[in-house]
C-alpha atoms as a PDB file:
ATOM      1  CA  UNK A   1     -62.773 -36.766 -18.509  1.00  0.00           C
ATOM      2  CA  UNK A   2     -65.675 -36.194 -20.875  1.00  0.00           C
ATOM      3  CA  UNK A   3     -66.554 -32.926 -22.565  1.00  0.00           C
ATOM      4  CA  UNK A   4     -69.513 -32.252 -20.254  1.00  0.00           C
ATOM      5  CA  UNK A   5     -67.188 -32.101 -17.252  1.00  0.00           C
ATOM      6  CA  UNK A   6     -64.893 -29.692 -19.081  1.00  0.00           C
ATOM      7  CA  UNK A   7     -67.813 -27.482 -20.094  1.00  0.00           C
ATOM      8  CA  UNK A   8     -69.150 -27.449 -16.534  1.00  0.00           C
ATOM      9  CA  UNK A   9     -65.705 -26.492 -15.196  1.00  0.00           C
ATOM     10  CA  UNK A  10     -65.373 -23.716 -17.783  1.00  0.00           C
ATOM     11  CA  UNK A  11     -68.853 -22.469 -16.884  1.00  0.00           C
ATOM     12  CA  UNK A  12     -67.963 -22.364 -13.194  1.00  0.00           C
ATOM     13  CA  UNK A  13     -64.748 -20.454 -13.973  1.00  0.00           C
ATOM     14  CA  UNK A  14     -66.685 -17.948 -16.097  1.00  0.00           C
ATOM     15  CA  UNK A  15     -69.274 -17.462 -13.324  1.00  0.00           C
ATOM     16  CA  UNK A  16     -66.434 -16.964 -10.812  1.00  0.00           C
ATOM     17  CA  UNK A  17     -64.831 -14.299 -13.007  1.00  0.00           C
ATOM     18  CA  UNK A  18     -68.162 -12.636 -13.774  1.00  0.00           C
ATOM     19  CA  UNK A  19     -68.901 -12.513 -10.056  1.00  0.00           C
ATOM     20  CA  UNK A  20     -65.482 -11.001  -9.396  1.00  0.00           C
ATOM     21  CA  UNK A  21     -66.068  -8.320 -12.026  1.00  0.00           C
ATOM     22  CA  UNK A  22     -69.541  -7.486 -10.701  1.00  0.00           C
ATOM     23  CA  UNK A  23     -68.395  -7.310  -7.062  1.00  0.00           C
ATOM     24  CA  UNK A  24     -65.359  -5.219  -8.103  1.00  0.00           C
ATOM     25  CA  UNK A  25     -62.830  -7.751  -6.813  1.00  0.00           C
ATOM     26  CA  UNK A  26     -61.179  -8.720 -10.115  1.00  0.00           C
ATOM     27  CA  UNK A  27     -59.741  -6.413 -12.745  1.00  0.00           C
ATOM     28  CA  UNK A  28     -60.558  -7.809 -16.185  1.00  0.00           C
ATOM     29  CA  UNK A  29     -59.128  -5.129 -18.484  1.00  0.00           C
ATOM     30  CA  UNK A  30     -57.301  -2.419 -16.574  1.00  0.00           C
ATOM     31  CA  UNK A  31     -57.768   0.256 -19.231  1.00  0.00           C
ATOM     32  CA  UNK A  32     -58.747   0.654 -22.846  1.00  0.00           C
ATOM     33  CA  UNK A  33     -55.047   0.409 -23.678  1.00  0.00           C
ATOM     34  CA  UNK A  34     -54.958  -3.016 -22.008  1.00  0.00           C
ATOM     35  CA  UNK A  35     -57.946  -4.141 -24.101  1.00  0.00           C
ATOM     36  CA  UNK A  36     -56.338  -3.014 -27.358  1.00  0.00           C
ATOM     37  CA  UNK A  37     -52.948  -4.440 -26.387  1.00  0.00           C
ATOM     38  CA  UNK A  38     -54.646  -7.788 -25.857  1.00  0.00           C
ATOM     39  CA  UNK A  39     -56.382  -7.594 -29.247  1.00  0.00           C
ATOM     40  CA  UNK A  40     -53.250  -6.392 -31.054  1.00  0.00           C
ATOM     41  CA  UNK A  41     -51.281  -9.356 -29.685  1.00  0.00           C
ATOM     42  CA  UNK A  42     -53.358 -11.565 -31.967  1.00  0.00           C
ATOM     43  CA  UNK A  43     -52.965  -9.189 -34.918  1.00  0.00           C
ATOM     44  CA  UNK A  44     -49.165  -9.033 -34.634  1.00  0.00           C
ATOM     45  CA  UNK A  45     -49.036 -12.757 -33.855  1.00  0.00           C
ATOM     46  CA  UNK A  46     -50.987 -13.461 -37.057  1.00  0.00           C
ATOM     47  CA  UNK A  47     -48.542 -11.252 -38.974  1.00  0.00           C
ATOM     48  CA  UNK A  48     -45.648 -13.236 -37.457  1.00  0.00           C
ATOM     49  CA  UNK A  49     -47.250 -16.551 -38.420  1.00  0.00           C
ATOM     50  CA  UNK A  50     -47.978 -15.229 -41.917  1.00  0.00           C
ATOM     51  CA  UNK A  51     -44.364 -14.257 -42.466  1.00  0.00           C
ATOM     52  CA  UNK A  52     -43.112 -17.485 -40.872  1.00  0.00           C
ATOM     53  CA  UNK A  53     -45.284 -19.498 -43.278  1.00  0.00           C
ATOM     54  CA  UNK A  54     -43.019 -18.245 -46.071  1.00  0.00           C
ATOM     55  CA  UNK A  55     -39.991 -19.984 -44.523  1.00  0.00           C
ATOM     56  CA  UNK A  56     -40.062 -23.115 -46.748  1.00  0.00           C
ATOM     57  CA  UNK A  57     -39.599 -20.908 -49.849  1.00  0.00           C
ATOM     58  CA  UNK A  58     -36.668 -19.012 -48.322  1.00  0.00           C
ATOM     59  CA  UNK A  59     -34.140 -20.868 -50.505  1.00  0.00           C
ATOM     60  CA  UNK A  60     -35.667 -19.382 -53.648  1.00  0.00           C
ATOM     61  CA  UNK A  61     -35.572 -15.786 -52.389  1.00  0.00           C
ATOM     62  CA  UNK A  62     -33.090 -13.107 -53.361  1.00  0.00           C
ATOM     63  CA  UNK A  63     -30.864 -11.542 -50.716  1.00  0.00           C
ATOM     64  CA  UNK A  64     -33.169  -8.509 -50.377  1.00  0.00           C
ATOM     65  CA  UNK A  65     -36.207 -10.760 -49.968  1.00  0.00           C
ATOM     66  CA  UNK A  66     -34.389 -12.771 -47.301  1.00  0.00           C
ATOM     67  CA  UNK A  67     -33.497  -9.560 -45.445  1.00  0.00           C
ATOM     68  CA  UNK A  68     -37.143  -8.444 -45.489  1.00  0.00           C
ATOM     69  CA  UNK A  69     -38.269 -11.914 -44.407  1.00  0.00           C
ATOM     70  CA  UNK A  70     -35.994 -11.942 -41.360  1.00  0.00           C
ATOM     71  CA  UNK A  71     -36.688  -8.296 -40.572  1.00  0.00           C
ATOM     72  CA  UNK A  72     -40.445  -8.885 -40.734  1.00  0.00           C
ATOM     73  CA  UNK A  73     -40.169 -12.038 -38.656  1.00  0.00           C
ATOM     74  CA  UNK A  74     -38.145 -10.304 -35.947  1.00  0.00           C
ATOM     75  CA  UNK A  75     -40.228  -7.116 -35.846  1.00  0.00           C
ATOM     76  CA  UNK A  76     -43.617  -8.866 -35.824  1.00  0.00           C
ATOM     77  CA  UNK A  77     -42.401 -11.399 -33.278  1.00  0.00           C
ATOM     78  CA  UNK A  78     -41.007  -8.746 -30.934  1.00  0.00           C
ATOM     79  CA  UNK A  79     -44.099  -6.536 -31.175  1.00  0.00           C
ATOM     80  CA  UNK A  80     -46.402  -9.527 -30.496  1.00  0.00           C
ATOM     81  CA  UNK A  81     -44.205 -10.601 -27.593  1.00  0.00           C
ATOM     82  CA  UNK A  82     -44.198  -7.023 -26.276  1.00  0.00           C
ATOM     83  CA  UNK A  83     -48.011  -6.931 -26.352  1.00  0.00           C
ATOM     84  CA  UNK A  84     -48.142 -10.260 -24.540  1.00  0.00           C
ATOM     85  CA  UNK A  85     -45.679  -9.163 -21.856  1.00  0.00           C
ATOM     86  CA  UNK A  86     -47.467  -5.838 -21.369  1.00  0.00           C
ATOM     87  CA  UNK A  87     -50.861  -7.521 -20.957  1.00  0.00           C
ATOM     88  CA  UNK A  88     -49.354 -10.007 -18.497  1.00  0.00           C
ATOM     89  CA  UNK A  89     -47.639  -7.255 -16.488  1.00  0.00           C
ATOM     90  CA  UNK A  90     -50.880  -5.264 -16.269  1.00  0.00           C
ATOM     91  CA  UNK A  91     -52.754  -8.380 -15.119  1.00  0.00           C
ATOM     92  CA  UNK A  92     -50.223  -9.076 -12.370  1.00  0.00           C
ATOM     93  CA  UNK A  93     -50.113  -5.429 -11.304  1.00  0.00           C
ATOM     94  CA  UNK A  94     -53.906  -5.297 -10.955  1.00  0.00           C
ATOM     95  CA  UNK A  95     -54.682  -8.735  -9.511  1.00  0.00           C
ATOM     96  CA  UNK A  96     -51.506 -10.117  -7.934  1.00  0.00           C
ATOM     97  CA  UNK A  97     -49.266 -12.890  -9.248  1.00  0.00           C
ATOM     98  CA  UNK A  98     -51.586 -15.910  -8.967  1.00  0.00           C
ATOM     99  CA  UNK A  99     -54.914 -14.324  -9.894  1.00  0.00           C
ATOM    100  CA  UNK A 100     -53.122 -12.086 -12.423  1.00  0.00           C
ATOM    101  CA  UNK A 101     -51.644 -15.098 -14.201  1.00  0.00           C
ATOM    102  CA  UNK A 102     -55.027 -16.821 -14.230  1.00  0.00           C
ATOM    103  CA  UNK A 103     -56.754 -13.654 -15.511  1.00  0.00           C
ATOM    104  CA  UNK A 104     -54.039 -13.214 -18.161  1.00  0.00           C
ATOM    105  CA  UNK A 105     -54.739 -16.703 -19.512  1.00  0.00           C
ATOM    106  CA  UNK A 106     -58.474 -16.121 -19.330  1.00  0.00           C
ATOM    107  CA  UNK A 107     -58.230 -12.748 -21.114  1.00  0.00           C
ATOM    108  CA  UNK A 108     -56.128 -14.237 -23.893  1.00  0.00           C
ATOM    109  CA  UNK A 109     -58.586 -17.123 -24.316  1.00  0.00           C
ATOM    110  CA  UNK A 110     -61.595 -14.777 -24.121  1.00  0.00           C
ATOM    111  CA  UNK A 111     -60.133 -12.462 -26.762  1.00  0.00           C
ATOM    112  CA  UNK A 112     -59.225 -15.386 -29.040  1.00  0.00           C
ATOM    113  CA  UNK A 113     -62.755 -16.791 -28.837  1.00  0.00           C
ATOM    114  CA  UNK A 114     -64.275 -13.374 -29.562  1.00  0.00           C
ATOM    115  CA  UNK A 115     -61.965 -12.816 -32.551  1.00  0.00           C
ATOM    116  CA  UNK A 116     -62.731 -16.289 -33.897  1.00  0.00           C
ATOM    117  CA  UNK A 117     -66.462 -15.650 -33.469  1.00  0.00           C
ATOM    118  CA  UNK A 118     -66.342 -12.331 -35.331  1.00  0.00           C
ATOM    119  CA  UNK A 119     -64.109 -13.644 -38.132  1.00  0.00           C
ATOM    120  CA  UNK A 120     -66.231 -16.794 -38.457  1.00  0.00           C
ATOM    121  CA  UNK A 121     -69.418 -14.750 -38.696  1.00  0.00           C
ATOM    122  CA  UNK A 122     -67.867 -12.453 -41.312  1.00  0.00           C
ATOM    123  CA  UNK A 123     -66.621 -15.484 -43.249  1.00  0.00           C
ATOM    124  CA  UNK A 124     -70.043 -17.095 -43.119  1.00  0.00           C
ATOM    125  CA  UNK A 125     -71.695 -13.903 -44.340  1.00  0.00           C
ATOM    126  CA  UNK A 126     -69.270 -13.480 -47.216  1.00  0.00           C
ATOM    127  CA  UNK A 127     -69.661 -17.059 -48.468  1.00  0.00           C
ATOM    128  CA  UNK A 128     -70.649 -16.795 -52.143  1.00  0.00           C
ATOM    129  CA  UNK A 129     -72.863 -19.896 -52.152  1.00  0.00           C
ATOM    130  CA  UNK A 130     -75.062 -18.754 -49.279  1.00  0.00           C
ATOM    131  CA  UNK A 131     -75.236 -15.020 -50.025  1.00  0.00           C
ATOM    132  CA  UNK A 132     -78.744 -13.764 -49.362  1.00  0.00           C
ATOM    133  CA  UNK A 133     -80.377 -10.428 -48.689  1.00  0.00           C
ATOM    134  CA  UNK A 134     -81.141 -11.687 -45.189  1.00  0.00           C
ATOM    135  CA  UNK A 135     -77.400 -11.836 -44.473  1.00  0.00           C
ATOM    136  CA  UNK A 136     -77.009  -8.135 -45.208  1.00  0.00           C
ATOM    137  CA  UNK A 137     -79.958  -7.349 -42.960  1.00  0.00           C
ATOM    138  CA  UNK A 138     -78.466  -9.566 -40.236  1.00  0.00           C
ATOM    139  CA  UNK A 139     -75.100  -7.788 -40.586  1.00  0.00           C
ATOM    140  CA  UNK A 140     -76.734  -4.380 -40.323  1.00  0.00           C
ATOM    141  CA  UNK A 141     -78.731  -5.538 -37.285  1.00  0.00           C
ATOM    142  CA  UNK A 142     -75.515  -6.864 -35.725  1.00  0.00           C
ATOM    143  CA  UNK A 143     -73.769  -3.531 -36.324  1.00  0.00           C
ATOM    144  CA  UNK A 144     -76.698  -1.611 -34.781  1.00  0.00           C
ATOM    145  CA  UNK A 145     -76.701  -3.905 -31.742  1.00  0.00           C
ATOM    146  CA  UNK A 146     -72.926  -3.501 -31.402  1.00  0.00           C
ATOM    147  CA  UNK A 147     -73.291   0.286 -31.625  1.00  0.00           C
ATOM    148  CA  UNK A 148     -75.938   0.295 -28.892  1.00  0.00           C
ATOM    149  CA  UNK A 149     -74.202  -2.147 -26.541  1.00  0.00           C
ATOM    150  CA  UNK A 150     -70.509  -1.358 -27.193  1.00  0.00           C
ATOM    151  CA  UNK A 151     -70.175   1.399 -24.591  1.00  0.00           C
ATOM    152  CA  UNK A 152     -71.898  -0.520 -21.741  1.00  0.00           C
ATOM    153  CA  UNK A 153     -69.920  -3.687 -22.543  1.00  0.00           C
ATOM    154  CA  UNK A 154     -66.668  -1.738 -22.742  1.00  0.00           C
ATOM    155  CA  UNK A 155     -67.445  -0.039 -19.426  1.00  0.00           C
ATOM    156  CA  UNK A 156     -68.234  -3.422 -17.861  1.00  0.00           C
ATOM    157  CA  UNK A 157     -65.072  -5.202 -18.989  1.00  0.00           C
ATOM    158  CA  UNK A 158     -62.689  -2.248 -18.548  1.00  0.00           C
ATOM    159  CA  UNK A 159     -62.994  -2.004 -14.794  1.00  0.00           C
ATOM    160  CA  UNK A 160     -59.516  -1.190 -13.454  1.00  0.00           C
ATOM    161  CA  UNK A 161     -60.367   2.214 -11.978  1.00  0.00           C
ATOM    162  CA  UNK A 162     -63.602   0.995 -10.363  1.00  0.00           C
ATOM    163  CA  UNK A 163     -61.885  -1.984  -8.721  1.00  0.00           C
ATOM    164  CA  UNK A 164     -58.992   0.144  -7.424  1.00  0.00           C
ATOM    165  CA  UNK A 165     -61.503   2.684  -6.090  1.00  0.00           C
ATOM    166  CA  UNK A 166     -63.426  -0.046  -4.233  1.00  0.00           C
ATOM    167  CA  UNK A 167     -60.120  -1.338  -2.819  1.00  0.00           C
ATOM    168  CA  UNK A 168     -59.185   2.161  -1.728  1.00  0.00           C
ATOM    169  CA  UNK A 169     -56.093   2.204  -3.965  1.00  0.00           C
ATOM    170  CA  UNK A 170     -57.052   5.141  -6.165  1.00  0.00           C
ATOM    171  CA  UNK A 171     -54.802   8.149  -5.631  1.00  0.00           C
ATOM    172  CA  UNK A 172     -56.625  11.466  -5.678  1.00  0.00           C
ATOM    173  CA  UNK A 173     -54.873  14.208  -7.601  1.00  0.00           C
ATOM    174  CA  UNK A 174     -55.562  17.787  -6.578  1.00  0.00           C
ATOM    175  CA  UNK A 175     -55.509  19.977  -9.666  1.00  0.00           C
ATOM    176  CA  UNK A 176     -55.542  23.338  -7.839  1.00  0.00           C
END
């Protein structure tokens, strides 16, 4: 299979998901908490990998350093795993087992690509060899665009309540 076929398949999957979000059939992020849980999975996972990268030097550590190594490894690993399980459970709860599993994998991939894009852009802008005044202007323009479009994008991707309402699953609470 060549890369064009893979790209076409990925494009079709993205169009399918975009169509499901627009027609209120698929829950992408159930709530803002689900969005941040998904993002924090990568943060805590990176912390876990960072601590784990110290493993080869473990023989040279003191007892206290070894305790902190194992404590950090366990805590970061459990928190990352907890974020992953929570995001998966929310995906299954909102979309069912099959579509929920597929959406879970897509959300994780989507978030990873977005994080890599942002970190890559920041890395490119902070490169000492290529530092120009145009980079600062581009960064400021990017921040202004993000400020303007953040709320509409967030409202588009966090669609749990709208999808449940269109399905007739939303429970009305009488506050009287």
